[in-house]
Amino acid sequence: MRTLDLRKFHHAIVLAEETSFVRASKRLHLSQPALTRSIQSLERELDLQLFDRQLSGAVPTPQGRAVLDKARQLLEHNAVLNKEISLLKDQDIGQLVFGVIDGLQNPLLDTLIERILQRETLANVEVTVESMARLLDLLNRGLIEFFVGDIGQIKPAERRHLHIETLAVTHGGYFVRTGHPLANRVDFPLQEVAAYPILSTRVDDNEWHQPGKFERDYLKTNGVRVMICNDMATLKDVTLRTDAILVTTDAMVARELAAGTMQELQFKNPGFDTERQLCLVTMPGKTQSSSAKLVLEMIGQIAAERYGNGAFTGDGGTGVEAKKTGAKGK
């Protein structure tokens, strides 16, 4: 079966249009001898004379006109195919399903959703918000392409089988509404903190949530009231309307801190230094869809824009590049 060289057909079509080797070679940015060799080679491969060489120029033979008419159609179809392939690479046609660890709804996820909505080529996108254990299961079963998680909740044995890219580190703290009785105080007694209800999400097997000295002493205090709920939006709403104290990371309340509706308690607290290392998790060696590649790029951009000096900012800030930790993670 003869293999057609589309490049040579293109040369022949341009020559037929220009009827001059000199003009055609200039248009094609080829030397005249190179164009001559290309046309001669094509004629040998087809075993047809495509052009009559005359003093006035190169004129297609009857057989040449018939071949070149078909060649034009072939080149047009090829151009359409290349365009469709480009669209498949650059746009997003298939469905994308990815995950985000629960409790991370603000502000990374809502910023990401806003940007996805701005891209008309991103269609049929589904975000599943689940626990780390559930996200790992979905990823292993191929039901999601990737997820944004907390490396502290991925056991070391599991990390060896994953590709993990660090996004940023967020730091934990105790947060209250502006105007809370403890909002503007420092070095106050531990008993005063224990007098208020504590709100928090449940975090299982999380290295960042190991109790420091302050927390260990606090947990021993009699009468501590703790409310656990994995709906961060509800916890923040309750914190803004009551004197409850929200235990979370700065990323979760970044917009409230920027707006001045929440403050972090500034008590003297040696030993209290929790942090959460956010990361992107994918399966090693798996080819990502074009939709996934675009959203992964968006996530990296958001992290670079909003994480500065280890703290998450709600209104942008000095960016830091995401670091690749490799398959082992940490």
C-alpha atoms as a PDB file:
ATOM      1  CA  MET A   1       0.000   0.000   0.000  1.00  0.00           C
ATOM      2  CA  ARG A   2       1.437   3.362  -1.097  1.00  0.00           C
ATOM      3  CA  THR A   3       2.039   5.910   1.684  1.00  0.00           C
ATOM      4  CA  LEU A   4       1.205   9.442   0.551  1.00  0.00           C
ATOM      5  CA  ASP A   5       3.507  12.296   1.514  1.00  0.00           C
ATOM      6  CA  LEU A   6       1.196  15.238   2.213  1.00  0.00           C
ATOM      7  CA  ARG A   7       4.135  17.638   2.345  1.00  0.00           C
ATOM      8  CA  LYS A   8       5.041  16.878  -1.266  1.00  0.00           C
ATOM      9  CA  PHE A   9       1.404  17.252  -2.350  1.00  0.00           C
ATOM     10  CA  HIS A  10       1.365  20.664  -0.679  1.00  0.00           C
ATOM     11  CA  HIS A  11       4.463  21.628  -2.669  1.00  0.00           C
ATOM     12  CA  ALA A  12       2.802  20.503  -5.885  1.00  0.00           C
ATOM     13  CA  ILE A  13      -0.399  22.443  -5.177  1.00  0.00           C
ATOM     14  CA  VAL A  14       1.537  25.638  -4.505  1.00  0.00           C
ATOM     15  CA  LEU A  15       3.524  25.125  -7.720  1.00  0.00           C
ATOM     16  CA  ALA A  16       0.304  24.654  -9.694  1.00  0.00           C
ATOM     17  CA  GLU A  17      -1.069  27.891  -8.219  1.00  0.00           C
ATOM     18  CA  GLU A  18       2.110  29.890  -8.885  1.00  0.00           C
ATOM     19  CA  THR A  19       3.069  28.150 -12.199  1.00  0.00           C
ATOM     20  CA  SER A  20       6.666  29.104 -11.402  1.00  0.00           C
ATOM     21  CA  PHE A  21       9.350  27.257  -9.450  1.00  0.00           C
ATOM     22  CA  VAL A  22      10.848  30.587  -8.410  1.00  0.00           C
ATOM     23  CA  ARG A  23       7.611  32.038  -7.007  1.00  0.00           C
ATOM     24  CA  ALA A  24       6.534  28.719  -5.450  1.00  0.00           C
ATOM     25  CA  SER A  25       9.894  28.210  -3.723  1.00  0.00           C
ATOM     26  CA  LYS A  26       9.695  31.723  -2.224  1.00  0.00           C
ATOM     27  CA  ARG A  27       6.143  31.101  -0.985  1.00  0.00           C
ATOM     28  CA  LEU A  28       7.150  27.761   0.524  1.00  0.00           C
ATOM     29  CA  HIS A  29      10.405  29.147   1.954  1.00  0.00           C
ATOM     30  CA  LEU A  30      12.328  26.444   0.120  1.00  0.00           C
ATOM     31  CA  SER A  31      15.269  26.677  -2.233  1.00  0.00           C
ATOM     32  CA  GLN A  32      14.378  26.145  -5.867  1.00  0.00           C
ATOM     33  CA  PRO A  33      16.496  22.952  -6.150  1.00  0.00           C
ATOM     34  CA  ALA A  34      14.753  21.525  -3.051  1.00  0.00           C
ATOM     35  CA  LEU A  35      11.317  22.212  -4.555  1.00  0.00           C
ATOM     36  CA  THR A  36      12.394  20.648  -7.856  1.00  0.00           C
ATOM     37  CA  ARG A  37      13.571  17.498  -6.053  1.00  0.00           C
ATOM     38  CA  SER A  38      10.288  17.306  -4.122  1.00  0.00           C
ATOM     39  CA  ILE A  39       8.151  17.488  -7.274  1.00  0.00           C
ATOM     40  CA  GLN A  40      10.326  14.970  -9.114  1.00  0.00           C
ATOM     41  CA  SER A  41      10.180  12.585  -6.159  1.00  0.00           C
ATOM     42  CA  LEU A  42       6.368  12.822  -6.031  1.00  0.00           C
ATOM     43  CA  GLU A  43       6.082  12.112  -9.757  1.00  0.00           C
ATOM     44  CA  ARG A  44       8.305   9.041  -9.389  1.00  0.00           C
ATOM     45  CA  GLU A  45       6.264   7.753  -6.435  1.00  0.00           C
ATOM     46  CA  LEU A  46       2.975   8.199  -8.336  1.00  0.00           C
ATOM     47  CA  ASP A  47       4.491   7.099 -11.675  1.00  0.00           C
ATOM     48  CA  LEU A  48       2.725  10.097 -13.230  1.00  0.00           C
ATOM     49  CA  GLN A  49       3.920  13.313 -14.814  1.00  0.00           C
ATOM     50  CA  LEU A  50       2.169  16.044 -12.883  1.00  0.00           C
ATOM     51  CA  PHE A  51       3.615  19.076 -14.651  1.00  0.00           C
ATOM     52  CA  ASP A  52       4.686  20.108 -18.133  1.00  0.00           C
ATOM     53  CA  ARG A  53       7.850  22.161 -17.819  1.00  0.00           C
ATOM     54  CA  GLN A  54       7.609  25.055 -20.274  1.00  0.00           C
ATOM     55  CA  LEU A  55       9.555  28.254 -20.818  1.00  0.00           C
ATOM     56  CA  SER A  56       6.591  30.156 -19.413  1.00  0.00           C
ATOM     57  CA  GLY A  57       6.533  28.011 -16.277  1.00  0.00           C
ATOM     58  CA  ALA A  58       5.197  24.745 -14.843  1.00  0.00           C
ATOM     59  CA  VAL A  59       1.680  23.805 -15.978  1.00  0.00           C
ATOM     60  CA  PRO A  60      -0.237  20.788 -14.546  1.00  0.00           C
ATOM     61  CA  THR A  61      -0.897  17.965 -16.981  1.00  0.00           C
ATOM     62  CA  PRO A  62      -4.487  16.662 -17.266  1.00  0.00           C
ATOM     63  CA  GLN A  63      -3.520  13.783 -14.956  1.00  0.00           C
ATOM     64  CA  GLY A  64      -1.788  16.299 -12.679  1.00  0.00           C
ATOM     65  CA  ARG A  65      -4.920  18.467 -12.397  1.00  0.00           C
ATOM     66  CA  ALA A  66      -7.014  15.438 -11.420  1.00  0.00           C
ATOM     67  CA  VAL A  67      -4.497  14.300  -8.808  1.00  0.00           C
ATOM     68  CA  LEU A  68      -4.055  17.774  -7.347  1.00  0.00           C
ATOM     69  CA  ASP A  69      -7.836  18.298  -7.050  1.00  0.00           C
ATOM     70  CA  LYS A  70      -8.012  15.164  -4.888  1.00  0.00           C
ATOM     71  CA  ALA A  71      -4.884  16.243  -3.018  1.00  0.00           C
ATOM     72  CA  ARG A  72      -6.512  19.562  -2.084  1.00  0.00           C
ATOM     73  CA  GLN A  73      -9.447  17.682  -0.555  1.00  0.00           C
ATOM     74  CA  LEU A  74      -7.027  15.406   1.284  1.00  0.00           C
ATOM     75  CA  LEU A  75      -5.098  18.359   2.718  1.00  0.00           C
ATOM     76  CA  GLU A  76      -8.353  20.063   3.778  1.00  0.00           C
ATOM     77  CA  HIS A  77      -9.473  16.906   5.608  1.00  0.00           C
ATOM     78  CA  ASN A  78      -6.044  16.675   7.214  1.00  0.00           C
ATOM     79  CA  ALA A  79      -6.300  20.267   8.441  1.00  0.00           C
ATOM     80  CA  VAL A  80      -9.732  19.553   9.954  1.00  0.00           C
ATOM     81  CA  LEU A  81      -8.387  16.422  11.652  1.00  0.00           C
ATOM     82  CA  ASN A  82      -5.433  18.324  13.108  1.00  0.00           C
ATOM     83  CA  LYS A  83      -7.791  20.998  14.421  1.00  0.00           C
ATOM     84  CA  GLU A  84     -10.010  18.394  16.090  1.00  0.00           C
ATOM     85  CA  ILE A  85      -6.962  16.728  17.640  1.00  0.00           C
ATOM     86  CA  SER A  86      -5.846  20.120  18.933  1.00  0.00           C
ATOM     87  CA  LEU A  87      -9.273  20.676  20.467  1.00  0.00           C
ATOM     88  CA  LEU A  88      -9.090  17.309  22.159  1.00  0.00           C
ATOM     89  CA  LYS A  89      -5.738  18.319  23.643  1.00  0.00           C
ATOM     90  CA  ASP A  90      -6.556  21.885  24.608  1.00  0.00           C
ATOM     91  CA  GLN A  91     -10.228  21.698  25.468  1.00  0.00           C
ATOM     92  CA  ASP A  92     -12.218  19.520  27.792  1.00  0.00           C
ATOM     93  CA  ILE A  93     -14.861  17.300  26.287  1.00  0.00           C
ATOM     94  CA  GLY A  94     -15.131  14.353  28.657  1.00  0.00           C
ATOM     95  CA  GLN A  95     -16.392  14.196  32.205  1.00  0.00           C
ATOM     96  CA  LEU A  96     -14.064  15.076  35.064  1.00  0.00           C
ATOM     97  CA  VAL A  97     -14.586  13.802  38.595  1.00  0.00           C
ATOM     98  CA  PHE A  98     -12.160  14.794  41.336  1.00  0.00           C
ATOM     99  CA  GLY A  99     -12.223  14.969  45.102  1.00  0.00           C
ATOM    100  CA  VAL A 100     -11.567  17.422  47.907  1.00  0.00           C
ATOM    101  CA  ILE A 101     -11.137  16.517  51.556  1.00  0.00           C
ATOM    102  CA  ASP A 102     -14.081  17.578  53.695  1.00  0.00           C
ATOM    103  CA  GLY A 103     -13.552  20.723  55.720  1.00  0.00           C
ATOM    104  CA  LEU A 104     -11.650  22.406  52.865  1.00  0.00           C
ATOM    105  CA  GLN A 105     -14.589  24.268  51.379  1.00  0.00           C
ATOM    106  CA  ASN A 106     -13.154  27.724  52.035  1.00  0.00           C
ATOM    107  CA  PRO A 107     -11.476  29.398  50.311  1.00  0.00           C
ATOM    108  CA  LEU A 108      -9.625  27.011  47.971  1.00  0.00           C
ATOM    109  CA  LEU A 109     -12.635  25.055  46.750  1.00  0.00           C
ATOM    110  CA  ASP A 110     -14.998  27.959  46.119  1.00  0.00           C
ATOM    111  CA  THR A 111     -12.232  29.885  44.337  1.00  0.00           C
ATOM    112  CA  LEU A 112     -11.589  26.825  42.179  1.00  0.00           C
ATOM    113  CA  ILE A 113     -15.273  26.418  41.334  1.00  0.00           C
ATOM    114  CA  GLU A 114     -15.480  30.087  40.326  1.00  0.00           C
ATOM    115  CA  ARG A 115     -12.597  29.614  37.895  1.00  0.00           C
ATOM    116  CA  ILE A 116     -14.014  26.392  36.482  1.00  0.00           C
ATOM    117  CA  LEU A 117     -17.270  28.203  35.747  1.00  0.00           C
ATOM    118  CA  GLN A 118     -15.327  30.826  33.802  1.00  0.00           C
ATOM    119  CA  ARG A 119     -13.995  28.180  31.402  1.00  0.00           C
ATOM    120  CA  GLU A 120     -16.662  27.259  28.861  1.00  0.00           C
ATOM    121  CA  THR A 121     -14.602  24.295  27.702  1.00  0.00           C
ATOM    122  CA  LEU A 122     -14.848  22.688  31.134  1.00  0.00           C
ATOM    123  CA  ALA A 123     -18.121  20.775  31.101  1.00  0.00           C
ATOM    124  CA  ASN A 124     -19.521  17.903  33.169  1.00  0.00           C
ATOM    125  CA  VAL A 125     -17.261  18.548  36.163  1.00  0.00           C
ATOM    126  CA  GLU A 126     -18.131  16.819  39.431  1.00  0.00           C
ATOM    127  CA  VAL A 127     -16.464  17.544  42.763  1.00  0.00           C
ATOM    128  CA  THR A 128     -16.897  15.005  45.529  1.00  0.00           C
ATOM    129  CA  VAL A 129     -16.192  16.162  49.090  1.00  0.00           C
ATOM    130  CA  GLU A 130     -15.328  13.188  51.266  1.00  0.00           C
ATOM    131  CA  SER A 131     -13.106  11.969  54.089  1.00  0.00           C
ATOM    132  CA  MET A 132      -9.503  11.034  53.319  1.00  0.00           C
ATOM    133  CA  ALA A 133     -10.264   7.325  53.630  1.00  0.00           C
ATOM    134  CA  ARG A 134     -13.109   7.619  51.134  1.00  0.00           C
ATOM    135  CA  LEU A 135     -11.038   9.711  48.698  1.00  0.00           C
ATOM    136  CA  LEU A 136      -8.216   7.170  48.753  1.00  0.00           C
ATOM    137  CA  ASP A 137     -10.704   4.398  48.026  1.00  0.00           C
ATOM    138  CA  LEU A 138     -12.258   6.314  45.119  1.00  0.00           C
ATOM    139  CA  LEU A 139      -8.814   7.083  43.653  1.00  0.00           C
ATOM    140  CA  ASN A 140      -7.669   3.459  43.909  1.00  0.00           C
ATOM    141  CA  ARG A 141     -10.863   2.313  42.176  1.00  0.00           C
ATOM    142  CA  GLY A 142     -10.411   4.848  39.367  1.00  0.00           C
ATOM    143  CA  LEU A 143     -13.634   6.695  40.210  1.00  0.00           C
ATOM    144  CA  ILE A 144     -11.854  10.041  40.601  1.00  0.00           C
ATOM    145  CA  GLU A 145      -8.794  11.324  38.716  1.00  0.00           C
ATOM    146  CA  PHE A 146      -7.175  13.097  41.672  1.00  0.00           C
ATOM    147  CA  PHE A 147      -7.985  14.759  44.951  1.00  0.00           C
ATOM    148  CA  VAL A 148      -6.858  17.598  47.194  1.00  0.00           C
ATOM    149  CA  GLY A 149      -6.082  16.194  50.620  1.00  0.00           C
ATOM    150  CA  ASP A 150      -4.082  16.426  53.805  1.00  0.00           C
ATOM    151  CA  ILE A 151      -0.823  14.490  53.736  1.00  0.00           C
ATOM    152  CA  GLY A 152      -0.976  14.053  57.494  1.00  0.00           C
ATOM    153  CA  GLN A 153      -3.992  11.809  57.045  1.00  0.00           C
ATOM    154  CA  ILE A 154      -2.274   9.492  54.537  1.00  0.00           C
ATOM    155  CA  LYS A 155      -0.459   6.678  56.251  1.00  0.00           C
ATOM    156  CA  PRO A 156       3.239   6.295  55.271  1.00  0.00           C
ATOM    157  CA  ALA A 157       2.589   2.835  53.834  1.00  0.00           C
ATOM    158  CA  GLU A 158      -0.089   4.270  51.530  1.00  0.00           C
ATOM    159  CA  ARG A 159       2.082   7.190  50.389  1.00  0.00           C
ATOM    160  CA  ARG A 160       4.531   4.848  48.659  1.00  0.00           C
ATOM    161  CA  HIS A 161       1.828   3.938  46.131  1.00  0.00           C
ATOM    162  CA  LEU A 162       0.739   7.506  45.381  1.00  0.00           C
ATOM    163  CA  HIS A 163       2.081  10.567  43.604  1.00  0.00           C
ATOM    164  CA  ILE A 164       1.830  13.489  46.021  1.00  0.00           C
ATOM    165  CA  GLU A 165       2.524  17.160  45.320  1.00  0.00           C
ATOM    166  CA  THR A 166       2.605  19.553  48.240  1.00  0.00           C
ATOM    167  CA  LEU A 167       0.458  22.663  47.793  1.00  0.00           C
ATOM    168  CA  ALA A 168       1.133  24.526  51.028  1.00  0.00           C
ATOM    169  CA  VAL A 169       1.206  24.330  54.793  1.00  0.00           C
ATOM    170  CA  THR A 170      -1.543  25.968  56.830  1.00  0.00           C
ATOM    171  CA  HIS A 171      -1.292  26.545  60.571  1.00  0.00           C
ATOM    172  CA  GLY A 172      -3.881  25.779  63.198  1.00  0.00           C
ATOM    173  CA  GLY A 173      -5.279  28.087  65.810  1.00  0.00           C
ATOM    174  CA  TYR A 174      -8.212  29.044  68.024  1.00  0.00           C
ATOM    175  CA  PHE A 175     -10.532  31.539  66.303  1.00  0.00           C
ATOM    176  CA  VAL A 176     -13.376  33.661  67.651  1.00  0.00           C
ATOM    177  CA  ARG A 177     -15.724  36.335  66.380  1.00  0.00           C
ATOM    178  CA  THR A 178     -14.564  39.927  66.544  1.00  0.00           C
ATOM    179  CA  GLY A 179     -15.959  41.301  69.796  1.00  0.00           C
ATOM    180  CA  HIS A 180     -15.575  37.995  71.658  1.00  0.00           C
ATOM    181  CA  PRO A 181     -14.631  38.550  75.331  1.00  0.00           C
ATOM    182  CA  LEU A 182     -11.202  36.974  74.708  1.00  0.00           C
ATOM    183  CA  ALA A 183     -10.577  38.513  71.241  1.00  0.00           C
ATOM    184  CA  ASN A 184      -8.111  41.238  72.228  1.00  0.00           C
ATOM    185  CA  ARG A 185      -6.488  39.638  75.237  1.00  0.00           C
ATOM    186  CA  VAL A 186      -3.090  37.944  75.573  1.00  0.00           C
ATOM    187  CA  ASP A 187      -1.561  35.645  78.170  1.00  0.00           C
ATOM    188  CA  PHE A 188      -4.915  35.018  79.819  1.00  0.00           C
ATOM    189  CA  PRO A 189      -5.394  31.975  82.080  1.00  0.00           C
ATOM    190  CA  LEU A 190      -6.209  28.617  80.505  1.00  0.00           C
ATOM    191  CA  GLN A 191      -9.354  28.390  82.617  1.00  0.00           C
ATOM    192  CA  GLU A 192     -10.857  31.318  80.702  1.00  0.00           C
ATOM    193  CA  VAL A 193     -10.559  29.467  77.392  1.00  0.00           C
ATOM    194  CA  ALA A 194     -12.158  26.410  78.946  1.00  0.00           C
ATOM    195  CA  ALA A 195     -15.182  28.468  79.881  1.00  0.00           C
ATOM    196  CA  TYR A 196     -16.331  28.627  76.244  1.00  0.00           C
ATOM    197  CA  PRO A 197     -17.617  25.869  73.944  1.00  0.00           C
ATOM    198  CA  ILE A 198     -15.125  24.458  71.451  1.00  0.00           C
ATOM    199  CA  LEU A 199     -16.096  23.771  67.824  1.00  0.00           C
ATOM    200  CA  SER A 200     -14.034  21.525  65.546  1.00  0.00           C
ATOM    201  CA  THR A 201     -14.208  19.074  62.661  1.00  0.00           C
ATOM    202  CA  ARG A 202     -13.368  15.431  63.209  1.00  0.00           C
ATOM    203  CA  VAL A 203      -9.927  14.520  61.890  1.00  0.00           C
ATOM    204  CA  ASP A 204      -8.849  10.875  61.957  1.00  0.00           C
ATOM    205  CA  ASP A 205      -5.215   9.695  61.972  1.00  0.00           C
ATOM    206  CA  ASN A 206      -4.021  13.242  61.369  1.00  0.00           C
ATOM    207  CA  GLU A 207      -0.427  14.075  62.208  1.00  0.00           C
ATOM    208  CA  TRP A 208      -1.128  17.813  62.390  1.00  0.00           C
ATOM    209  CA  HIS A 209      -3.725  17.331  65.119  1.00  0.00           C
ATOM    210  CA  GLN A 210      -1.480  15.718  67.732  1.00  0.00           C
ATOM    211  CA  PRO A 211      -2.180  17.601  70.999  1.00  0.00           C
ATOM    212  CA  GLY A 212       0.531  20.010  72.140  1.00  0.00           C
ATOM    213  CA  LYS A 213       1.173  20.962  75.764  1.00  0.00           C
ATOM    214  CA  PHE A 214      -1.641  23.519  75.745  1.00  0.00           C
ATOM    215  CA  GLU A 215      -4.168  21.084  74.318  1.00  0.00           C
ATOM    216  CA  ARG A 216      -3.152  18.282  76.696  1.00  0.00           C
ATOM    217  CA  ASP A 217      -3.641  20.579  79.672  1.00  0.00           C
ATOM    218  CA  TYR A 218      -6.830  21.963  78.192  1.00  0.00           C
ATOM    219  CA  LEU A 219      -8.342  18.525  77.681  1.00  0.00           C
ATOM    220  CA  LYS A 220      -7.767  17.772  81.362  1.00  0.00           C
ATOM    221  CA  THR A 221      -9.817  20.807  82.394  1.00  0.00           C
ATOM    222  CA  ASN A 222     -13.189  19.896  83.865  1.00  0.00           C
ATOM    223  CA  GLY A 223     -16.353  21.071  82.152  1.00  0.00           C
ATOM    224  CA  VAL A 224     -14.965  21.471  78.626  1.00  0.00           C
ATOM    225  CA  ARG A 225     -17.761  21.481  76.044  1.00  0.00           C
ATOM    226  CA  VAL A 226     -16.829  20.259  72.555  1.00  0.00           C
ATOM    227  CA  MET A 227     -19.006  20.155  69.440  1.00  0.00           C
ATOM    228  CA  ILE A 228     -17.713  18.080  66.490  1.00  0.00           C
ATOM    229  CA  CYS A 229     -19.164  18.709  63.023  1.00  0.00           C
ATOM    230  CA  ASN A 230     -17.615  18.226  59.576  1.00  0.00           C
ATOM    231  CA  ASP A 231     -19.655  21.047  58.025  1.00  0.00           C
ATOM    232  CA  MET A 232     -17.176  23.922  58.268  1.00  0.00           C
ATOM    233  CA  ALA A 233     -19.685  26.452  56.928  1.00  0.00           C
ATOM    234  CA  THR A 234     -22.006  25.686  59.838  1.00  0.00           C
ATOM    235  CA  LEU A 235     -19.169  25.861  62.376  1.00  0.00           C
ATOM    236  CA  LYS A 236     -18.076  29.263  61.114  1.00  0.00           C
ATOM    237  CA  ASP A 237     -21.634  30.563  61.161  1.00  0.00           C
ATOM    238  CA  VAL A 238     -22.074  29.433  64.761  1.00  0.00           C
ATOM    239  CA  THR A 239     -18.724  30.987  65.712  1.00  0.00           C
ATOM    240  CA  LEU A 240     -19.774  34.326  64.229  1.00  0.00           C
ATOM    241  CA  ARG A 241     -23.078  34.286  66.132  1.00  0.00           C
ATOM    242  CA  THR A 242     -21.958  32.957  69.531  1.00  0.00           C
ATOM    243  CA  ASP A 243     -19.026  32.980  71.949  1.00  0.00           C
ATOM    244  CA  ALA A 244     -17.895  29.519  70.826  1.00  0.00           C
ATOM    245  CA  ILE A 245     -14.218  29.051  69.905  1.00  0.00           C
ATOM    246  CA  LEU A 246     -13.428  27.428  66.558  1.00  0.00           C
ATOM    247  CA  VAL A 247     -10.352  25.180  66.367  1.00  0.00           C
ATOM    248  CA  THR A 248      -9.211  24.993  62.753  1.00  0.00           C
ATOM    249  CA  THR A 249      -6.479  26.204  60.379  1.00  0.00           C
ATOM    250  CA  ASP A 250      -5.969  29.723  59.086  1.00  0.00           C
ATOM    251  CA  ALA A 251      -6.954  28.579  55.578  1.00  0.00           C
ATOM    252  CA  MET A 252     -10.444  27.695  56.712  1.00  0.00           C
ATOM    253  CA  VAL A 253     -11.174  31.180  58.074  1.00  0.00           C
ATOM    254  CA  ALA A 254      -8.948  33.225  55.742  1.00  0.00           C
ATOM    255  CA  ARG A 255     -11.774  35.318  54.352  1.00  0.00           C
ATOM    256  CA  GLU A 256     -13.274  35.989  57.763  1.00  0.00           C
ATOM    257  CA  LEU A 257      -9.870  37.084  59.064  1.00  0.00           C
ATOM    258  CA  ALA A 258      -9.364  39.331  56.030  1.00  0.00           C
ATOM    259  CA  ALA A 259     -12.843  40.823  56.460  1.00  0.00           C
ATOM    260  CA  GLY A 260     -12.242  41.428  60.170  1.00  0.00           C
ATOM    261  CA  THR A 261     -15.182  39.327  61.321  1.00  0.00           C
ATOM    262  CA  MET A 262     -12.946  36.779  63.099  1.00  0.00           C
ATOM    263  CA  GLN A 263      -9.743  36.959  65.124  1.00  0.00           C
ATOM    264  CA  GLU A 264      -7.222  34.393  66.304  1.00  0.00           C
ATOM    265  CA  LEU A 265      -6.757  34.087  70.061  1.00  0.00           C
ATOM    266  CA  GLN A 266      -3.318  35.370  71.025  1.00  0.00           C
ATOM    267  CA  PHE A 267      -2.647  33.554  74.273  1.00  0.00           C
ATOM    268  CA  LYS A 268       0.866  32.573  75.303  1.00  0.00           C
ATOM    269  CA  ASN A 269       0.980  28.978  74.222  1.00  0.00           C
ATOM    270  CA  PRO A 270       4.264  27.052  74.098  1.00  0.00           C
ATOM    271  CA  GLY A 271       3.732  23.656  72.521  1.00  0.00           C
ATOM    272  CA  PHE A 272       0.652  24.591  70.486  1.00  0.00           C
ATOM    273  CA  ASP A 273       1.781  24.431  66.864  1.00  0.00           C
ATOM    274  CA  THR A 274      -0.599  22.442  64.704  1.00  0.00           C
ATOM    275  CA  GLU A 275      -0.376  22.540  60.930  1.00  0.00           C
ATOM    276  CA  ARG A 276      -2.025  20.993  57.915  1.00  0.00           C
ATOM    277  CA  GLN A 277      -0.063  20.142  54.778  1.00  0.00           C
ATOM    278  CA  LEU A 278      -2.367  20.350  51.775  1.00  0.00           C
ATOM    279  CA  CYS A 279      -1.449  18.233  48.764  1.00  0.00           C
ATOM    280  CA  LEU A 280      -2.552  16.975  45.364  1.00  0.00           C
ATOM    281  CA  VAL A 281      -2.810  13.198  45.130  1.00  0.00           C
ATOM    282  CA  THR A 282      -2.805  11.223  41.871  1.00  0.00           C
ATOM    283  CA  MET A 283      -1.985   7.670  40.834  1.00  0.00           C
ATOM    284  CA  PRO A 284       1.621   7.266  39.599  1.00  0.00           C
ATOM    285  CA  GLY A 285       1.951   6.621  35.877  1.00  0.00           C
ATOM    286  CA  LYS A 286      -1.692   7.401  35.083  1.00  0.00           C
ATOM    287  CA  THR A 287      -2.244   9.718  32.105  1.00  0.00           C
ATOM    288  CA  GLN A 288      -4.493  12.583  33.132  1.00  0.00           C
ATOM    289  CA  SER A 289      -7.312  13.781  30.892  1.00  0.00           C
ATOM    290  CA  SER A 290      -7.071  17.266  29.414  1.00  0.00           C
ATOM    291  CA  SER A 291      -9.804  18.381  31.829  1.00  0.00           C
ATOM    292  CA  ALA A 292      -7.822  17.072  34.784  1.00  0.00           C
ATOM    293  CA  LYS A 293      -4.627  18.747  33.596  1.00  0.00           C
ATOM    294  CA  LEU A 294      -6.396  22.100  33.325  1.00  0.00           C
ATOM    295  CA  VAL A 295      -8.004  21.867  36.771  1.00  0.00           C
ATOM    296  CA  LEU A 296      -4.750  20.687  38.343  1.00  0.00           C
ATOM    297  CA  GLU A 297      -3.078  23.746  36.847  1.00  0.00           C
ATOM    298  CA  MET A 298      -5.834  25.946  38.290  1.00  0.00           C
ATOM    299  CA  ILE A 299      -5.337  24.453  41.754  1.00  0.00           C
ATOM    300  CA  GLY A 300      -1.604  25.085  41.561  1.00  0.00           C
ATOM    301  CA  GLN A 301      -2.228  28.687  40.523  1.00  0.00           C
ATOM    302  CA  ILE A 302      -4.664  29.283  43.379  1.00  0.00           C
ATOM    303  CA  ALA A 303      -2.210  27.836  45.883  1.00  0.00           C
ATOM    304  CA  ALA A 304       0.617  29.978  44.483  1.00  0.00           C
ATOM    305  CA  GLU A 305      -1.538  33.106  44.632  1.00  0.00           C
ATOM    306  CA  ARG A 306      -3.004  32.644  48.068  1.00  0.00           C
ATOM    307  CA  TYR A 307      -0.368  30.893  50.124  1.00  0.00           C
ATOM    308  CA  GLY A 308       2.310  33.265  51.306  1.00  0.00           C
ATOM    309  CA  ASN A 309       4.897  32.682  54.035  1.00  0.00           C
ATOM    310  CA  GLY A 310       3.131  29.489  55.029  1.00  0.00           C
ATOM    311  CA  ALA A 311      -0.224  31.197  55.622  1.00  0.00           C
ATOM    312  CA  PHE A 312      -3.310  31.108  53.474  1.00  0.00           C
ATOM    313  CA  THR A 313      -4.656  34.522  52.521  1.00  0.00           C
ATOM    314  CA  GLY A 314      -8.241  35.154  51.524  1.00  0.00           C
ATOM    315  CA  ASP A 315      -7.508  38.050  49.170  1.00  0.00           C
ATOM    316  CA  GLY A 316      -4.391  36.925  47.320  1.00  0.00           C
ATOM    317  CA  GLY A 317      -0.818  37.449  48.385  1.00  0.00           C
ATOM    318  CA  THR A 318       2.760  36.518  47.762  1.00  0.00           C
ATOM    319  CA  GLY A 319       2.712  33.166  46.032  1.00  0.00           C
ATOM    320  CA  VAL A 320       4.935  30.188  46.598  1.00  0.00           C
ATOM    321  CA  GLU A 321       5.518  27.447  44.083  1.00  0.00           C
ATOM    322  CA  ALA A 322       3.978  24.067  44.758  1.00  0.00           C
ATOM    323  CA  LYS A 323       6.627  21.500  45.644  1.00  0.00           C
ATOM    324  CA  LYS A 324       6.689  17.971  44.337  1.00  0.00           C
ATOM    325  CA  THR A 325       7.224  15.489  47.115  1.00  0.00           C
ATOM    326  CA  GLY A 326       7.297  12.405  44.903  1.00  0.00           C
ATOM    327  CA  ALA A 327       5.519   9.132  45.445  1.00  0.00           C
ATOM    328  CA  LYS A 328       6.448   8.913  49.089  1.00  0.00           C
ATOM    329  CA  GLY A 329       4.966  12.282  49.952  1.00  0.00           C
ATOM    330  CA  LYS A 330       6.443  13.846  52.991  1.00  0.00           C
END
